[in-house]
Amino acid sequence: MITSNTSTALEIISRHHIADVWLNPATDHRSLHAAMAFNAGGLIVRFGALTTQDSATYLTVQTGIDKHITLQPEFLQYINHSCDPNVFFDTDSMELIALKSILPGDELCFFYPSTEWEMAQPFLCRCATPGCLQLINGAAHLSKETLNKYRLTNFIISQLNQKL
């Protein structure tokens, strides 16, 4: 059991080579936390498609128009959103990349619009970072100026270029 800085007891519910899934029993919220250190720019893990479908769900990552994958290994589904991400899903090389140095215990977070043109389930972000965008509903709804602050998949870049 791990205690966060808010005195909430967090439980590790599954362990994996590179990361552990943590559960906050008070909220039933799950998150993925590094089990080892990673250097900025380094490979965290290669991933694949467990399934491919033509529509988005809250568990899929978009890789093309009408192409959405569920992630393999499955524990990657617990990587939550942040407006200040520390990981990136490179859907061309199928690699999860560290955007910053990551220490053991750090939560792995990615910027959902970096892979999603339209979100299946838009939501109000509660990441509380200084640059929090508040409403997360896909790259299609963000300005080019905002998106230029993030690393984006080639699919999202191509969608942006078509939009202009």
N, C-alpha and C. Protein backbone atom coordinates (compact mmCIF):
# COMPACT_ATOMS: atom_id res chain seq x y z
N MET A 1 0.84 -1.16 0.00
CA MET A 1 0.00 0.00 0.00
C MET A 1 0.89 1.24 0.00
N ILE A 2 0.48 2.24 -0.76
CA ILE A 2 1.25 3.47 -0.89
C ILE A 2 0.36 4.62 -0.44
N THR A 3 0.94 5.58 0.25
CA THR A 3 0.16 6.74 0.68
C THR A 3 0.59 7.93 -0.15
N SER A 4 -0.38 8.58 -0.78
CA SER A 4 -0.08 9.77 -1.58
C SER A 4 0.04 10.97 -0.66
N ASN A 5 0.38 12.11 -1.25
CA ASN A 5 0.54 13.31 -0.43
C ASN A 5 -0.80 13.85 0.09
N THR A 6 -1.90 13.27 -0.34
CA THR A 6 -3.21 13.68 0.18
C THR A 6 -3.72 12.69 1.22
N SER A 7 -2.87 11.82 1.69
CA SER A 7 -3.17 10.82 2.72
C SER A 7 -4.17 9.76 2.28
N THR A 8 -4.35 9.60 1.00
CA THR A 8 -5.21 8.54 0.49
C THR A 8 -4.35 7.30 0.27
N ALA A 9 -4.77 6.19 0.81
CA ALA A 9 -4.02 4.95 0.63
C ALA A 9 -4.29 4.41 -0.76
N LEU A 10 -3.24 4.24 -1.52
CA LEU A 10 -3.34 3.69 -2.87
C LEU A 10 -2.84 2.27 -2.85
N GLU A 11 -3.50 1.39 -3.58
CA GLU A 11 -3.12 -0.01 -3.63
C GLU A 11 -2.53 -0.35 -4.99
N ILE A 12 -1.46 -1.11 -5.00
CA ILE A 12 -0.95 -1.64 -6.26
C ILE A 12 -1.77 -2.89 -6.57
N ILE A 13 -2.50 -2.86 -7.69
CA ILE A 13 -3.39 -3.98 -8.01
C ILE A 13 -2.81 -4.92 -9.06
N SER A 14 -1.79 -4.46 -9.79
CA SER A 14 -1.08 -5.37 -10.69
C SER A 14 0.31 -4.80 -10.99
N ARG A 15 1.26 -5.72 -11.08
CA ARG A 15 2.65 -5.35 -11.35
C ARG A 15 3.05 -5.86 -12.73
N HIS A 16 3.79 -5.03 -13.43
CA HIS A 16 4.27 -5.37 -14.76
C HIS A 16 5.74 -4.98 -14.83
N HIS A 17 6.44 -5.46 -15.78
CA HIS A 17 7.88 -5.24 -15.85
C HIS A 17 8.25 -3.76 -15.73
N ILE A 18 7.56 -2.90 -16.47
CA ILE A 18 7.94 -1.48 -16.52
C ILE A 18 7.10 -0.58 -15.62
N ALA A 19 5.94 -1.06 -15.20
CA ALA A 19 5.03 -0.18 -14.46
C ALA A 19 4.02 -1.00 -13.66
N ASP A 20 3.40 -0.33 -12.70
CA ASP A 20 2.39 -0.95 -11.85
C ASP A 20 1.08 -0.18 -11.98
N VAL A 21 -0.03 -0.91 -11.91
CA VAL A 21 -1.35 -0.28 -11.90
C VAL A 21 -1.71 -0.02 -10.45
N TRP A 22 -2.01 1.24 -10.15
CA TRP A 22 -2.42 1.65 -8.81
C TRP A 22 -3.91 1.91 -8.80
N LEU A 23 -4.53 1.63 -7.67
CA LEU A 23 -5.96 1.88 -7.46
C LEU A 23 -6.13 2.81 -6.28
N ASN A 24 -6.97 3.83 -6.47
CA ASN A 24 -7.40 4.68 -5.37
C ASN A 24 -8.77 4.14 -4.95
N PRO A 25 -8.85 3.40 -3.83
CA PRO A 25 -10.12 2.79 -3.44
C PRO A 25 -11.23 3.81 -3.16
N ALA A 26 -10.87 5.01 -2.78
CA ALA A 26 -11.89 6.02 -2.48
C ALA A 26 -12.62 6.47 -3.74
N THR A 27 -11.92 6.46 -4.89
CA THR A 27 -12.53 6.94 -6.13
C THR A 27 -12.69 5.84 -7.18
N ASP A 28 -12.11 4.67 -6.94
CA ASP A 28 -12.05 3.57 -7.90
C ASP A 28 -11.26 3.96 -9.15
N HIS A 29 -10.41 4.97 -9.03
CA HIS A 29 -9.58 5.47 -10.12
C HIS A 29 -8.31 4.63 -10.22
N ARG A 30 -7.98 4.20 -11.43
CA ARG A 30 -6.76 3.43 -11.67
C ARG A 30 -5.78 4.29 -12.45
N SER A 31 -4.50 4.06 -12.22
CA SER A 31 -3.46 4.81 -12.90
C SER A 31 -2.23 3.92 -13.05
N LEU A 32 -1.40 4.24 -14.03
CA LEU A 32 -0.19 3.47 -14.28
C LEU A 32 1.01 4.29 -13.81
N HIS A 33 1.86 3.64 -13.01
CA HIS A 33 3.03 4.31 -12.43
C HIS A 33 4.30 3.55 -12.78
N ALA A 34 5.34 4.30 -13.07
CA ALA A 34 6.62 3.71 -13.46
C ALA A 34 7.17 2.82 -12.36
N ALA A 35 7.69 1.67 -12.74
CA ALA A 35 8.35 0.77 -11.79
C ALA A 35 9.87 0.94 -11.86
N MET A 36 10.32 1.75 -12.82
CA MET A 36 11.75 2.01 -12.99
C MET A 36 11.90 3.40 -13.59
N ALA A 37 13.13 3.87 -13.64
CA ALA A 37 13.40 5.19 -14.22
C ALA A 37 13.51 5.10 -15.74
N PHE A 38 13.13 6.18 -16.40
CA PHE A 38 13.25 6.31 -17.85
C PHE A 38 13.82 7.68 -18.17
N ASN A 39 14.71 7.73 -19.14
CA ASN A 39 15.28 9.00 -19.57
C ASN A 39 14.40 9.66 -20.60
N ALA A 40 14.39 10.98 -20.61
CA ALA A 40 13.64 11.73 -21.62
C ALA A 40 14.07 11.28 -23.01
N GLY A 41 13.11 11.01 -23.87
CA GLY A 41 13.39 10.56 -25.23
C GLY A 41 13.56 9.06 -25.36
N GLY A 42 13.61 8.36 -24.23
CA GLY A 42 13.85 6.93 -24.26
C GLY A 42 12.59 6.11 -24.49
N LEU A 43 12.81 4.91 -24.98
CA LEU A 43 11.74 3.94 -25.19
C LEU A 43 11.31 3.37 -23.84
N ILE A 44 10.01 3.39 -23.59
CA ILE A 44 9.47 2.76 -22.39
C ILE A 44 9.07 1.33 -22.71
N VAL A 45 8.28 1.17 -23.76
CA VAL A 45 7.82 -0.17 -24.17
C VAL A 45 7.26 -0.09 -25.59
N ARG A 46 7.39 -1.16 -26.31
CA ARG A 46 6.71 -1.29 -27.61
C ARG A 46 5.29 -1.79 -27.34
N PHE A 47 4.38 -1.37 -28.17
CA PHE A 47 2.99 -1.80 -28.00
C PHE A 47 2.43 -2.25 -29.33
N GLY A 48 1.30 -2.91 -29.26
CA GLY A 48 0.62 -3.36 -30.46
C GLY A 48 -0.87 -3.17 -30.30
N ALA A 49 -1.59 -3.68 -31.27
CA ALA A 49 -3.04 -3.59 -31.26
C ALA A 49 -3.63 -4.92 -30.82
N LEU A 50 -4.29 -4.93 -29.69
CA LEU A 50 -5.02 -6.12 -29.25
C LEU A 50 -6.23 -6.30 -30.15
N THR A 51 -6.93 -5.19 -30.42
CA THR A 51 -8.05 -5.18 -31.36
C THR A 51 -7.98 -3.90 -32.18
N THR A 52 -8.62 -3.92 -33.34
CA THR A 52 -8.75 -2.74 -34.19
C THR A 52 -10.22 -2.57 -34.51
N GLN A 53 -10.67 -1.33 -34.46
CA GLN A 53 -12.08 -1.07 -34.75
C GLN A 53 -12.22 0.26 -35.47
N ASP A 54 -13.43 0.50 -36.02
CA ASP A 54 -13.62 1.73 -36.80
C ASP A 54 -14.17 2.90 -36.01
N SER A 55 -14.46 2.70 -34.74
CA SER A 55 -14.96 3.81 -33.92
C SER A 55 -14.20 3.87 -32.60
N ALA A 56 -14.14 5.07 -32.07
CA ALA A 56 -13.41 5.32 -30.83
C ALA A 56 -14.21 4.88 -29.62
N THR A 57 -13.48 4.47 -28.58
CA THR A 57 -14.05 4.28 -27.25
C THR A 57 -13.10 4.99 -26.29
N TYR A 58 -13.45 5.03 -25.03
CA TYR A 58 -12.58 5.68 -24.07
C TYR A 58 -11.30 4.88 -23.83
N LEU A 59 -11.22 3.65 -24.32
CA LEU A 59 -10.03 2.82 -24.14
C LEU A 59 -9.17 2.69 -25.39
N THR A 60 -9.56 3.30 -26.50
CA THR A 60 -8.80 3.13 -27.74
C THR A 60 -7.86 4.31 -27.98
N VAL A 61 -6.90 4.06 -28.86
CA VAL A 61 -5.98 5.07 -29.35
C VAL A 61 -6.18 5.13 -30.86
N GLN A 62 -6.34 6.34 -31.40
CA GLN A 62 -6.61 6.50 -32.82
C GLN A 62 -5.30 6.43 -33.61
N THR A 63 -5.31 5.62 -34.67
CA THR A 63 -4.12 5.47 -35.51
C THR A 63 -4.39 5.91 -36.95
N GLY A 64 -5.63 6.22 -37.28
CA GLY A 64 -5.99 6.67 -38.62
C GLY A 64 -7.47 7.00 -38.67
N ILE A 65 -7.90 7.47 -39.82
CA ILE A 65 -9.33 7.75 -39.98
C ILE A 65 -10.07 6.43 -39.83
N ASP A 66 -11.04 6.41 -38.95
CA ASP A 66 -11.82 5.20 -38.68
C ASP A 66 -10.96 4.01 -38.30
N LYS A 67 -9.81 4.28 -37.65
CA LYS A 67 -8.95 3.19 -37.16
C LYS A 67 -8.52 3.50 -35.74
N HIS A 68 -9.00 2.67 -34.83
CA HIS A 68 -8.75 2.84 -33.40
C HIS A 68 -8.32 1.48 -32.84
N ILE A 69 -7.30 1.51 -31.98
CA ILE A 69 -6.79 0.25 -31.44
C ILE A 69 -6.94 0.21 -29.92
N THR A 70 -7.15 -0.99 -29.41
CA THR A 70 -6.98 -1.20 -27.97
C THR A 70 -5.55 -1.68 -27.81
N LEU A 71 -4.93 -1.26 -26.75
CA LEU A 71 -3.50 -1.45 -26.57
C LEU A 71 -3.12 -2.82 -26.04
N GLN A 72 -2.00 -3.31 -26.54
CA GLN A 72 -1.37 -4.53 -26.07
C GLN A 72 0.08 -4.19 -25.80
N PRO A 73 0.61 -4.27 -24.61
CA PRO A 73 0.03 -4.91 -23.43
C PRO A 73 -1.12 -4.08 -22.85
N GLU A 74 -2.11 -4.80 -22.33
CA GLU A 74 -3.35 -4.19 -21.87
C GLU A 74 -3.18 -3.21 -20.72
N PHE A 75 -2.14 -3.37 -19.89
CA PHE A 75 -1.98 -2.46 -18.76
C PHE A 75 -1.75 -1.02 -19.21
N LEU A 76 -1.39 -0.81 -20.48
CA LEU A 76 -1.19 0.55 -20.99
C LEU A 76 -2.50 1.35 -21.01
N GLN A 77 -3.64 0.66 -20.95
CA GLN A 77 -4.92 1.37 -20.93
C GLN A 77 -5.08 2.24 -19.68
N TYR A 78 -4.24 2.04 -18.68
CA TYR A 78 -4.33 2.82 -17.44
C TYR A 78 -3.48 4.08 -17.46
N ILE A 79 -2.93 4.41 -18.62
CA ILE A 79 -2.21 5.68 -18.74
C ILE A 79 -3.27 6.76 -18.92
N ASN A 80 -3.33 7.65 -17.96
CA ASN A 80 -4.34 8.70 -17.95
C ASN A 80 -3.86 9.94 -18.69
N HIS A 81 -4.78 10.88 -18.85
CA HIS A 81 -4.50 12.15 -19.53
C HIS A 81 -3.84 13.15 -18.59
N SER A 82 -3.00 13.99 -19.16
CA SER A 82 -2.50 15.19 -18.50
C SER A 82 -2.25 16.24 -19.57
N CYS A 83 -2.47 17.49 -19.22
CA CYS A 83 -2.13 18.60 -20.11
C CYS A 83 -0.64 18.90 -20.04
N ASP A 84 0.08 18.20 -19.17
CA ASP A 84 1.54 18.27 -19.06
C ASP A 84 2.06 16.83 -19.07
N PRO A 85 2.00 16.17 -20.25
CA PRO A 85 2.29 14.74 -20.33
C PRO A 85 3.76 14.40 -20.14
N ASN A 86 4.01 13.16 -19.72
CA ASN A 86 5.40 12.69 -19.62
C ASN A 86 5.67 11.51 -20.55
N VAL A 87 4.63 11.04 -21.26
CA VAL A 87 4.82 9.97 -22.25
C VAL A 87 4.05 10.30 -23.52
N PHE A 88 4.44 9.62 -24.60
CA PHE A 88 3.83 9.83 -25.92
C PHE A 88 3.68 8.48 -26.61
N PHE A 89 2.50 8.23 -27.17
CA PHE A 89 2.26 7.03 -27.97
C PHE A 89 2.63 7.33 -29.42
N ASP A 90 3.76 6.82 -29.88
CA ASP A 90 4.15 6.97 -31.28
C ASP A 90 3.46 5.83 -32.04
N THR A 91 2.39 6.17 -32.75
CA THR A 91 1.59 5.14 -33.40
C THR A 91 2.16 4.71 -34.75
N ASP A 92 3.24 5.35 -35.21
CA ASP A 92 3.94 4.87 -36.41
C ASP A 92 4.91 3.76 -36.03
N SER A 93 5.72 4.00 -35.01
CA SER A 93 6.70 3.00 -34.58
C SER A 93 6.12 2.03 -33.55
N MET A 94 4.90 2.35 -33.05
CA MET A 94 4.25 1.55 -32.01
C MET A 94 5.15 1.45 -30.78
N GLU A 95 5.60 2.63 -30.32
CA GLU A 95 6.45 2.73 -29.15
C GLU A 95 5.90 3.79 -28.20
N LEU A 96 5.96 3.48 -26.91
CA LEU A 96 5.65 4.46 -25.88
C LEU A 96 6.97 5.13 -25.52
N ILE A 97 7.04 6.44 -25.66
CA ILE A 97 8.27 7.20 -25.50
C ILE A 97 8.15 8.13 -24.29
N ALA A 98 9.22 8.24 -23.52
CA ALA A 98 9.27 9.18 -22.40
C ALA A 98 9.53 10.58 -22.95
N LEU A 99 8.67 11.52 -22.62
CA LEU A 99 8.86 12.90 -23.04
C LEU A 99 9.75 13.67 -22.06
N LYS A 100 9.82 13.16 -20.84
CA LYS A 100 10.59 13.77 -19.76
C LYS A 100 11.25 12.64 -18.99
N SER A 101 12.17 13.00 -18.12
CA SER A 101 12.72 11.99 -17.21
C SER A 101 11.61 11.53 -16.28
N ILE A 102 11.54 10.23 -16.08
CA ILE A 102 10.50 9.63 -15.25
C ILE A 102 11.18 8.81 -14.17
N LEU A 103 10.73 8.98 -12.94
CA LEU A 103 11.28 8.25 -11.80
C LEU A 103 10.32 7.16 -11.36
N PRO A 104 10.82 6.12 -10.67
CA PRO A 104 9.92 5.09 -10.15
C PRO A 104 8.84 5.73 -9.29
N GLY A 105 7.60 5.31 -9.51
CA GLY A 105 6.46 5.85 -8.78
C GLY A 105 5.74 6.97 -9.50
N ASP A 106 6.40 7.62 -10.47
CA ASP A 106 5.73 8.69 -11.23
C ASP A 106 4.58 8.11 -12.03
N GLU A 107 3.46 8.83 -12.05
CA GLU A 107 2.34 8.41 -12.89
C GLU A 107 2.68 8.69 -14.34
N LEU A 108 2.38 7.72 -15.21
CA LEU A 108 2.56 7.90 -16.64
C LEU A 108 1.29 8.53 -17.20
N CYS A 109 1.45 9.66 -17.90
CA CYS A 109 0.32 10.40 -18.44
C CYS A 109 0.63 10.85 -19.86
N PHE A 110 -0.39 10.81 -20.72
CA PHE A 110 -0.21 11.34 -22.07
C PHE A 110 -1.31 12.34 -22.38
N PHE A 111 -1.07 13.14 -23.39
CA PHE A 111 -2.00 14.18 -23.83
C PHE A 111 -2.96 13.53 -24.82
N TYR A 112 -4.20 13.28 -24.40
CA TYR A 112 -5.13 12.53 -25.24
C TYR A 112 -5.26 13.10 -26.66
N PRO A 113 -5.37 14.44 -26.84
CA PRO A 113 -5.48 14.93 -28.22
C PRO A 113 -4.23 14.69 -29.08
N SER A 114 -3.15 14.18 -28.50
CA SER A 114 -1.98 13.85 -29.32
C SER A 114 -2.26 12.66 -30.22
N THR A 115 -3.27 11.87 -29.88
CA THR A 115 -3.66 10.72 -30.71
C THR A 115 -5.11 10.77 -31.17
N GLU A 116 -5.92 11.60 -30.55
CA GLU A 116 -7.37 11.58 -30.81
C GLU A 116 -7.83 12.84 -31.53
N TRP A 117 -8.42 12.66 -32.71
CA TRP A 117 -8.96 13.80 -33.44
C TRP A 117 -10.29 14.23 -32.81
N GLU A 118 -11.15 13.29 -32.53
CA GLU A 118 -12.42 13.52 -31.83
C GLU A 118 -12.49 12.51 -30.68
N MET A 119 -12.83 12.96 -29.51
CA MET A 119 -12.90 12.08 -28.35
C MET A 119 -14.25 11.35 -28.31
N ALA A 120 -14.21 10.09 -27.97
CA ALA A 120 -15.44 9.32 -27.79
C ALA A 120 -16.22 9.85 -26.59
N GLN A 121 -15.49 10.25 -25.55
CA GLN A 121 -16.11 10.77 -24.33
C GLN A 121 -15.34 12.00 -23.85
N PRO A 122 -15.68 13.19 -24.39
CA PRO A 122 -15.02 14.41 -23.90
C PRO A 122 -15.21 14.53 -22.39
N PHE A 123 -14.28 15.23 -21.73
CA PHE A 123 -14.35 15.35 -20.28
C PHE A 123 -13.69 16.64 -19.81
N LEU A 124 -14.01 17.02 -18.60
CA LEU A 124 -13.35 18.15 -17.97
C LEU A 124 -12.09 17.64 -17.28
N CYS A 125 -10.97 18.20 -17.67
CA CYS A 125 -9.68 17.76 -17.13
C CYS A 125 -9.51 18.30 -15.72
N ARG A 126 -8.92 17.48 -14.89
CA ARG A 126 -8.62 17.86 -13.51
C ARG A 126 -7.13 17.65 -13.20
N CYS A 127 -6.29 17.79 -14.23
CA CYS A 127 -4.86 17.54 -14.02
C CYS A 127 -4.21 18.62 -13.15
N ALA A 128 -4.82 19.79 -13.09
CA ALA A 128 -4.37 20.89 -12.22
C ALA A 128 -2.98 21.40 -12.57
N THR A 129 -2.51 21.15 -13.80
CA THR A 129 -1.23 21.71 -14.22
C THR A 129 -1.44 23.17 -14.60
N PRO A 130 -0.40 23.98 -14.58
CA PRO A 130 -0.56 25.40 -14.90
C PRO A 130 -1.18 25.66 -16.28
N GLY A 131 -0.91 24.80 -17.25
CA GLY A 131 -1.46 24.99 -18.58
C GLY A 131 -2.67 24.14 -18.88
N CYS A 132 -3.40 23.72 -17.85
CA CYS A 132 -4.54 22.82 -18.06
C CYS A 132 -5.54 23.43 -19.03
N LEU A 133 -5.97 22.63 -20.00
CA LEU A 133 -6.90 23.10 -21.03
C LEU A 133 -8.36 22.98 -20.61
N GLN A 134 -8.63 22.33 -19.52
CA GLN A 134 -9.96 22.16 -18.95
C GLN A 134 -10.83 21.18 -19.73
N LEU A 135 -11.33 21.54 -20.91
CA LEU A 135 -12.18 20.64 -21.69
C LEU A 135 -11.31 19.87 -22.68
N ILE A 136 -11.34 18.54 -22.58
CA ILE A 136 -10.58 17.69 -23.48
C ILE A 136 -11.58 16.97 -24.38
N ASN A 137 -11.55 17.33 -25.67
CA ASN A 137 -12.49 16.71 -26.61
C ASN A 137 -11.88 16.42 -27.97
N GLY A 138 -10.55 16.35 -28.03
CA GLY A 138 -9.88 15.97 -29.26
C GLY A 138 -9.14 17.12 -29.92
N ALA A 139 -8.16 16.77 -30.74
CA ALA A 139 -7.33 17.76 -31.41
C ALA A 139 -8.12 18.65 -32.36
N ALA A 140 -9.21 18.15 -32.91
CA ALA A 140 -10.02 18.93 -33.85
C ALA A 140 -10.56 20.20 -33.21
N HIS A 141 -10.63 20.24 -31.90
CA HIS A 141 -11.24 21.36 -31.19
C HIS A 141 -10.22 22.30 -30.57
N LEU A 142 -8.94 22.08 -30.87
CA LEU A 142 -7.88 22.92 -30.30
C LEU A 142 -7.21 23.74 -31.40
N SER A 143 -6.71 24.89 -31.01
CA SER A 143 -6.01 25.74 -31.98
C SER A 143 -4.66 25.14 -32.34
N LYS A 144 -4.17 25.53 -33.51
CA LYS A 144 -2.84 25.08 -33.92
C LYS A 144 -1.80 25.58 -32.92
N GLU A 145 -1.99 26.78 -32.41
CA GLU A 145 -1.06 27.34 -31.42
C GLU A 145 -0.99 26.46 -30.18
N THR A 146 -2.13 26.00 -29.70
CA THR A 146 -2.15 25.11 -28.53
C THR A 146 -1.50 23.78 -28.86
N LEU A 147 -1.86 23.20 -30.00
CA LEU A 147 -1.33 21.89 -30.37
C LEU A 147 0.17 21.92 -30.64
N ASN A 148 0.70 23.07 -31.05
CA ASN A 148 2.14 23.18 -31.29
C ASN A 148 2.96 23.02 -30.02
N LYS A 149 2.34 23.06 -28.87
CA LYS A 149 3.03 22.88 -27.59
C LYS A 149 3.26 21.41 -27.27
N TYR A 150 2.67 20.52 -28.07
CA TYR A 150 2.68 19.09 -27.77
C TYR A 150 3.29 18.29 -28.90
N ARG A 151 3.80 17.12 -28.55
CA ARG A 151 4.20 16.16 -29.57
C ARG A 151 2.93 15.45 -30.01
N LEU A 152 2.73 15.36 -31.32
CA LEU A 152 1.51 14.80 -31.90
C LEU A 152 1.86 13.64 -32.82
N THR A 153 0.93 12.70 -32.96
CA THR A 153 1.14 11.61 -33.90
C THR A 153 1.08 12.16 -35.33
N ASN A 154 1.68 11.44 -36.25
CA ASN A 154 1.64 11.85 -37.66
C ASN A 154 0.20 11.89 -38.16
N PHE A 155 -0.66 11.02 -37.64
CA PHE A 155 -2.07 11.07 -38.04
C PHE A 155 -2.70 12.41 -37.65
N ILE A 156 -2.49 12.86 -36.44
CA ILE A 156 -3.06 14.13 -35.99
C ILE A 156 -2.46 15.29 -36.79
N ILE A 157 -1.16 15.25 -37.06
CA ILE A 157 -0.53 16.29 -37.87
C ILE A 157 -1.15 16.33 -39.26
N SER A 158 -1.40 15.17 -39.86
CA SER A 158 -2.01 15.16 -41.19
C SER A 158 -3.44 15.71 -41.15
N GLN A 159 -4.18 15.41 -40.09
CA GLN A 159 -5.53 15.94 -39.94
C GLN A 159 -5.49 17.47 -39.80
N LEU A 160 -4.53 17.98 -39.05
CA LEU A 160 -4.37 19.43 -38.89
C LEU A 160 -4.05 20.09 -40.22
N ASN A 161 -3.17 19.49 -40.99
CA ASN A 161 -2.80 20.05 -42.29
C ASN A 161 -3.98 20.08 -43.25
N GLN A 162 -4.87 19.11 -43.16
CA GLN A 162 -6.07 19.09 -44.01
C GLN A 162 -7.07 20.14 -43.56
N LYS A 163 -7.07 20.43 -42.26
CA LYS A 163 -8.02 21.40 -41.68
C LYS A 163 -7.66 22.83 -42.09
N LEU A 164 -6.37 23.08 -42.30
CA LEU A 164 -5.92 24.45 -42.63
C LEU A 164 -6.19 24.85 -44.04
